[in-house]
Each structure stands twice: as C-alpha cells, then as structure tokens.
C-alpha cells in the first residue's frame, strides 16, 4: 500500500496538472475525504519545497507553441505569394 504523505512526491504528482494546480476530485475519482488528504499533502510538500507552487515549464511550452504557430503561418503565407 502506498503511503499518503508530503514526502511521496512521485505519488502526489499524479494529482497535480502541468500548470501546478491540484486536479478536482471529479477527475481523480476520489472521495471528499481522499481529496482533502491529497490536497493537504500537496500543500505541505509545496510549503516545505518538495513540489513547486507553479510549473513554469507548462507556460513556456504554451508560449513556444504559439510562437511556432505564428512562424508557420508566416511561412505558409510567404510561400503562397
């Protein structure tokens, strides 16, 4: 059985999105009590420094995708002309 505490970071990462938000219980299929335990463990891990409050990588990826789309649009427009 897996221990549910703030030290088990690999287990807690399944309940955190790429942007760093805690998934709601309807996505996790947890009970209210289980969701409360998970969220408390994630918050404790954030305070201690085991988990970041925000994942900047997700935001950088979104920005890079937008830039690439703009570049591809410009290339396609320049080729058609």
N, C-alpha and C. Protein backbone atom coordinates (compact mmCIF):
# COMPACT_ATOMS: atom_id res chain seq x y z
N UNK A 1 0.84 -1.18 0.00
CA UNK A 1 0.00 0.00 0.00
C UNK A 1 0.88 1.25 0.00
N UNK A 2 0.47 2.26 -0.73
CA UNK A 2 1.25 3.49 -0.86
C UNK A 2 0.92 4.42 0.30
N UNK A 3 1.98 4.97 0.90
CA UNK A 3 1.77 5.92 1.99
C UNK A 3 1.40 7.28 1.41
N UNK A 4 0.43 7.89 2.03
CA UNK A 4 0.00 9.21 1.59
C UNK A 4 0.56 10.24 2.56
N UNK A 5 1.66 10.86 2.16
CA UNK A 5 2.21 11.97 2.94
C UNK A 5 2.95 12.90 1.99
N UNK A 6 3.46 13.97 2.53
CA UNK A 6 4.08 15.01 1.72
C UNK A 6 5.43 14.57 1.15
N UNK A 7 6.01 13.50 1.65
CA UNK A 7 7.32 13.04 1.19
C UNK A 7 7.24 12.20 -0.08
N UNK A 8 6.09 11.64 -0.37
CA UNK A 8 5.92 10.78 -1.54
C UNK A 8 5.57 11.65 -2.76
N UNK A 9 6.57 12.26 -3.33
CA UNK A 9 6.37 13.25 -4.39
C UNK A 9 5.88 12.59 -5.68
N UNK A 10 6.40 11.43 -6.00
CA UNK A 10 6.01 10.75 -7.24
C UNK A 10 4.52 10.43 -7.23
N UNK A 11 4.02 10.01 -6.09
CA UNK A 11 2.59 9.72 -5.97
C UNK A 11 1.76 11.00 -6.06
N UNK A 12 2.24 12.08 -5.46
CA UNK A 12 1.47 13.33 -5.44
C UNK A 12 1.43 14.00 -6.81
N UNK A 13 2.43 13.75 -7.65
CA UNK A 13 2.46 14.40 -8.96
C UNK A 13 1.34 13.91 -9.88
N UNK A 14 0.76 12.77 -9.61
CA UNK A 14 -0.37 12.29 -10.40
C UNK A 14 -1.62 13.14 -10.18
N UNK A 15 -1.65 13.88 -9.10
CA UNK A 15 -2.82 14.68 -8.75
C UNK A 15 -2.60 16.17 -9.01
N UNK A 16 -1.50 16.52 -9.70
CA UNK A 16 -1.18 17.91 -10.00
C UNK A 16 -1.08 18.05 -11.51
N UNK A 17 -1.66 19.11 -12.06
CA UNK A 17 -1.63 19.32 -13.51
C UNK A 17 -0.27 19.88 -13.93
N UNK A 18 -0.09 20.04 -15.24
CA UNK A 18 1.17 20.59 -15.74
C UNK A 18 1.39 22.02 -15.30
N UNK A 19 0.33 22.75 -15.07
CA UNK A 19 0.47 24.13 -14.62
C UNK A 19 0.67 24.23 -13.12
N UNK A 20 0.54 23.12 -12.40
CA UNK A 20 0.78 23.12 -10.96
C UNK A 20 -0.48 23.15 -10.12
N UNK A 21 -1.62 23.06 -10.75
CA UNK A 21 -2.88 23.08 -10.00
C UNK A 21 -3.28 21.67 -9.59
N UNK A 22 -3.96 21.59 -8.46
CA UNK A 22 -4.45 20.30 -7.97
C UNK A 22 -5.71 19.94 -8.76
N UNK A 23 -5.73 18.72 -9.30
CA UNK A 23 -6.91 18.29 -10.04
C UNK A 23 -8.12 18.20 -9.11
N UNK A 24 -9.31 18.57 -9.60
CA UNK A 24 -10.50 18.41 -8.76
C UNK A 24 -10.86 16.94 -8.58
N UNK A 25 -11.68 16.67 -7.60
CA UNK A 25 -11.97 15.27 -7.26
C UNK A 25 -12.77 14.55 -8.33
N UNK A 26 -13.47 15.26 -9.19
CA UNK A 26 -14.21 14.58 -10.25
C UNK A 26 -13.27 13.99 -11.31
N UNK A 27 -12.06 14.54 -11.45
CA UNK A 27 -11.08 13.96 -12.36
C UNK A 27 -10.30 12.83 -11.70
N UNK A 28 -10.12 12.92 -10.39
CA UNK A 28 -9.35 11.91 -9.67
C UNK A 28 -10.18 10.71 -9.27
N UNK A 29 -11.48 10.84 -9.31
CA UNK A 29 -12.43 9.83 -8.82
C UNK A 29 -12.13 9.46 -7.38
N UNK A 30 -11.89 10.48 -6.57
CA UNK A 30 -11.65 10.31 -5.14
C UNK A 30 -12.89 10.73 -4.36
N UNK A 31 -12.94 10.28 -3.13
CA UNK A 31 -13.99 10.76 -2.24
C UNK A 31 -13.58 12.13 -1.72
N UNK A 32 -14.49 12.79 -1.04
CA UNK A 32 -14.19 14.10 -0.48
C UNK A 32 -13.06 14.00 0.54
N UNK A 33 -13.10 12.97 1.33
CA UNK A 33 -12.07 12.77 2.34
C UNK A 33 -10.70 12.52 1.70
N UNK A 34 -10.68 11.69 0.66
CA UNK A 34 -9.43 11.40 -0.04
C UNK A 34 -8.86 12.63 -0.72
N UNK A 35 -9.73 13.43 -1.33
CA UNK A 35 -9.29 14.67 -1.98
C UNK A 35 -8.71 15.63 -0.95
N UNK A 36 -9.31 15.69 0.21
CA UNK A 36 -8.82 16.57 1.27
C UNK A 36 -7.42 16.13 1.73
N UNK A 37 -7.21 14.82 1.89
CA UNK A 37 -5.90 14.32 2.29
C UNK A 37 -4.85 14.60 1.22
N UNK A 38 -5.23 14.38 -0.04
CA UNK A 38 -4.30 14.64 -1.14
C UNK A 38 -3.93 16.12 -1.19
N UNK A 39 -4.92 17.00 -1.11
CA UNK A 39 -4.64 18.43 -1.21
C UNK A 39 -3.80 18.91 -0.03
N UNK A 40 -4.04 18.39 1.17
CA UNK A 40 -3.22 18.77 2.32
C UNK A 40 -1.78 18.30 2.15
N UNK A 41 -1.60 17.09 1.63
CA UNK A 41 -0.25 16.57 1.41
C UNK A 41 0.48 17.39 0.35
N UNK A 42 -0.22 17.77 -0.72
CA UNK A 42 0.39 18.58 -1.78
C UNK A 42 0.75 19.96 -1.24
N UNK A 43 -0.13 20.56 -0.46
CA UNK A 43 0.16 21.87 0.10
C UNK A 43 1.33 21.83 1.07
N UNK A 44 1.42 20.77 1.88
CA UNK A 44 2.56 20.63 2.78
C UNK A 44 3.86 20.44 2.00
N UNK A 45 3.81 19.65 0.93
CA UNK A 45 5.00 19.44 0.10
C UNK A 45 5.43 20.74 -0.57
N UNK A 46 4.49 21.58 -0.95
CA UNK A 46 4.83 22.88 -1.54
C UNK A 46 5.48 23.79 -0.52
N UNK A 47 4.94 23.83 0.69
CA UNK A 47 5.49 24.70 1.72
C UNK A 47 6.92 24.29 2.07
N UNK A 48 7.16 23.00 2.18
CA UNK A 48 8.49 22.51 2.53
C UNK A 48 9.46 22.68 1.36
N UNK A 49 8.95 22.63 0.14
CA UNK A 49 9.79 22.83 -1.03
C UNK A 49 9.98 21.59 -1.87
N UNK A 50 9.25 20.53 -1.59
CA UNK A 50 9.36 19.31 -2.38
C UNK A 50 8.65 19.45 -3.72
N UNK A 51 7.58 20.21 -3.77
CA UNK A 51 6.84 20.47 -5.01
C UNK A 51 6.81 21.97 -5.25
N UNK A 52 6.93 22.40 -6.50
CA UNK A 52 6.83 23.83 -6.77
C UNK A 52 5.38 24.30 -6.72
N UNK A 53 5.21 25.58 -6.43
CA UNK A 53 3.86 26.14 -6.41
C UNK A 53 3.30 26.23 -7.82
N UNK A 54 4.17 26.56 -8.77
CA UNK A 54 3.76 26.66 -10.17
C UNK A 54 4.81 25.99 -11.03
N UNK A 55 4.36 25.36 -12.08
CA UNK A 55 5.27 24.78 -13.04
C UNK A 55 5.43 25.77 -14.18
N UNK A 56 6.60 26.34 -14.31
CA UNK A 56 6.85 27.32 -15.36
C UNK A 56 7.03 26.62 -16.70
N UNK A 57 7.41 25.37 -16.68
CA UNK A 57 7.64 24.63 -17.91
C UNK A 57 6.38 24.59 -18.77
N UNK A 58 5.24 24.37 -18.15
CA UNK A 58 3.99 24.33 -18.90
C UNK A 58 3.69 25.65 -19.59
N UNK A 59 3.96 26.76 -18.91
CA UNK A 59 3.73 28.07 -19.51
C UNK A 59 4.70 28.33 -20.64
N UNK A 60 5.96 27.91 -20.48
CA UNK A 60 6.94 28.12 -21.54
C UNK A 60 6.59 27.30 -22.77
N UNK A 61 6.08 26.11 -22.57
CA UNK A 61 5.70 25.27 -23.70
C UNK A 61 4.54 25.91 -24.46
N UNK A 62 3.57 26.46 -23.75
CA UNK A 62 2.44 27.13 -24.40
C UNK A 62 2.92 28.32 -25.21
N UNK A 63 3.85 29.09 -24.65
CA UNK A 63 4.38 30.27 -25.36
C UNK A 63 5.14 29.83 -26.60
N UNK A 64 5.96 28.78 -26.48
CA UNK A 64 6.70 28.29 -27.64
C UNK A 64 5.78 27.77 -28.73
N UNK A 65 4.71 27.11 -28.36
CA UNK A 65 3.76 26.61 -29.35
C UNK A 65 3.10 27.77 -30.09
N UNK A 66 2.73 28.83 -29.36
CA UNK A 66 2.13 30.00 -30.02
C UNK A 66 3.11 30.65 -30.99
N UNK A 67 4.38 30.75 -30.59
CA UNK A 67 5.39 31.34 -31.46
C UNK A 67 5.59 30.48 -32.70
N UNK A 68 5.65 29.16 -32.53
CA UNK A 68 5.81 28.27 -33.68
C UNK A 68 4.63 28.35 -34.63
N UNK A 69 3.44 28.46 -34.10
CA UNK A 69 2.26 28.59 -34.96
C UNK A 69 2.32 29.88 -35.77
N UNK A 70 2.74 30.97 -35.13
CA UNK A 70 2.86 32.24 -35.86
C UNK A 70 3.91 32.14 -36.96
N UNK A 71 5.03 31.48 -36.66
CA UNK A 71 6.08 31.32 -37.66
C UNK A 71 5.58 30.47 -38.83
N UNK A 72 4.89 29.37 -38.52
CA UNK A 72 4.37 28.51 -39.59
C UNK A 72 3.35 29.24 -40.45
N UNK A 73 2.53 30.07 -39.84
CA UNK A 73 1.55 30.84 -40.60
C UNK A 73 2.26 31.81 -41.53
N UNK A 74 3.31 32.46 -41.04
CA UNK A 74 4.07 33.39 -41.88
C UNK A 74 4.75 32.67 -43.03
N UNK A 75 5.30 31.49 -42.76
CA UNK A 75 5.96 30.72 -43.82
C UNK A 75 4.94 30.31 -44.88
N UNK A 76 3.79 29.83 -44.46
CA UNK A 76 2.76 29.42 -45.42
C UNK A 76 2.26 30.60 -46.23
N UNK A 77 2.11 31.76 -45.60
CA UNK A 77 1.67 32.94 -46.34
C UNK A 77 2.73 33.40 -47.33
N UNK A 78 3.99 33.31 -46.96
CA UNK A 78 5.05 33.75 -47.87
C UNK A 78 5.22 32.78 -49.03
N UNK A 79 4.95 31.51 -48.82
CA UNK A 79 5.07 30.53 -49.91
C UNK A 79 3.94 30.71 -50.91
N UNK A 80 2.74 30.99 -50.45
CA UNK A 80 1.59 31.15 -51.35
C UNK A 80 1.73 32.39 -52.22
N UNK A 81 2.38 33.40 -51.74
CA UNK A 81 2.53 34.64 -52.51
C UNK A 81 3.63 34.45 -53.50
